[in-house]
Amino acid sequence: EIMNKDDFKFLDPATPVGLNVGGQLFEADVATLTKDPYSILAACCRQSPVIEKNVDGIFYFDRDWWLFRHILAFLRSSALPNELETLK
């Protein structure tokens, strides 16, 4: 089975992971970031990550943090925002 491959061996689910997205700092646990085990966020949680952390031990993504907060909220709650404008 594919989930038994080394690519899907993640850190302990309670481990906090630091993310710098467009200059905004976020923190989430491995359980949240691996809800989609095929995602780049899950790849940060591998026992041997494919992305390197910066000198502060945080993963950096040059992306829009304003949008990323909705992605993280979805991973945490499995619910989309209620506001129509947010979904546009």
Protein backbone atom coordinates (compact mmCIF):
# COMPACT_ATOMS: atom_id res chain seq x y z
CA GLU A 1 0.00 0.00 0.00
CA ILE A 2 1.21 3.49 -0.85
CA MET A 3 0.69 4.87 2.67
CA ASN A 4 3.31 2.43 3.97
CA LYS A 5 6.06 4.05 1.88
CA ASP A 6 8.72 6.16 3.59
CA ASP A 7 7.18 9.26 2.01
CA PHE A 8 4.21 8.85 4.34
CA LYS A 9 6.04 8.39 7.63
CA PHE A 10 5.17 11.52 9.54
CA LEU A 11 6.30 13.00 12.83
CA ASP A 12 4.18 12.51 15.95
CA PRO A 13 0.70 14.02 15.34
CA ALA A 14 1.04 16.41 18.30
CA THR A 15 4.33 17.90 17.07
CA PRO A 16 4.03 21.65 16.35
CA VAL A 17 5.21 22.86 12.94
CA GLY A 18 6.11 26.48 12.22
CA LEU A 19 5.14 28.01 8.89
CA ASN A 20 6.06 31.42 7.52
CA VAL A 21 3.64 32.20 4.72
CA GLY A 22 4.33 35.50 3.01
CA GLY A 23 5.89 36.91 6.17
CA GLN A 24 3.06 35.87 8.51
CA LEU A 25 3.88 33.18 11.07
CA PHE A 26 1.53 30.25 11.60
CA GLU A 27 1.80 27.19 13.78
CA ALA A 28 -0.13 23.96 13.41
CA ASP A 29 0.33 20.43 14.60
CA VAL A 30 1.29 17.52 12.37
CA ALA A 31 -2.20 16.01 12.70
CA THR A 32 -3.70 19.12 11.07
CA LEU A 33 -1.12 19.50 8.32
CA THR A 34 -1.29 15.84 7.28
CA LYS A 35 -5.07 15.70 6.76
CA ASP A 36 -4.19 15.60 3.07
CA PRO A 37 -1.15 13.29 3.16
CA TYR A 38 -0.28 14.12 -0.47
CA SER A 39 0.00 17.88 0.13
CA ILE A 40 3.11 20.02 0.38
CA LEU A 41 2.10 20.82 3.96
CA ALA A 42 2.15 17.13 4.80
CA ALA A 43 5.55 16.85 3.13
CA CYS A 44 6.83 19.31 5.75
CA CYS A 45 5.77 16.83 8.42
CA ARG A 46 7.64 13.84 7.07
CA GLN A 47 10.31 12.26 9.21
CA SER A 48 12.63 13.25 6.35
CA PRO A 49 11.02 16.42 4.89
CA VAL A 50 11.60 17.23 1.23
CA ILE A 51 11.56 20.94 2.02
CA GLU A 52 14.25 22.51 4.15
CA LYS A 53 13.46 24.64 7.18
CA ASN A 54 15.01 28.09 7.42
CA VAL A 55 17.60 28.95 10.09
CA ASP A 56 14.78 29.52 12.61
CA GLY A 57 13.46 26.00 12.08
CA ILE A 58 10.40 27.25 10.20
CA PHE A 59 9.18 26.34 6.71
CA TYR A 60 8.90 29.37 4.41
CA PHE A 61 6.35 29.70 1.61
CA ASP A 62 6.30 32.73 -0.67
CA ARG A 63 2.52 32.83 -0.89
CA ASP A 64 -0.39 35.02 0.18
CA TRP A 65 -0.88 34.56 3.92
CA TRP A 66 -4.32 36.19 3.77
CA LEU A 67 -5.56 33.27 1.65
CA PHE A 68 -3.51 30.65 3.49
CA ARG A 69 -5.34 31.36 6.74
CA HIS A 70 -8.49 29.98 5.11
CA ILE A 71 -6.67 26.83 4.02
CA LEU A 72 -5.41 26.29 7.55
CA ALA A 73 -8.85 26.98 9.01
CA PHE A 74 -10.32 24.38 6.63
CA LEU A 75 -7.73 21.79 7.66
CA ARG A 76 -8.53 22.46 11.30
CA SER A 77 -12.32 22.41 11.04
CA SER A 78 -13.19 20.69 7.72
CA ALA A 79 -15.57 23.60 7.10
CA LEU A 80 -15.47 26.37 4.52
CA PRO A 81 -16.05 30.01 5.52
CA ASN A 82 -19.68 31.11 5.66
CA GLU A 83 -19.10 34.49 4.03
CA LEU A 84 -19.77 34.50 0.30
CA GLU A 85 -17.16 37.21 -0.31
CA THR A 86 -14.46 35.06 1.29
CA LEU A 87 -15.21 32.20 -1.10
CA LYS A 88 -14.91 34.35 -4.25
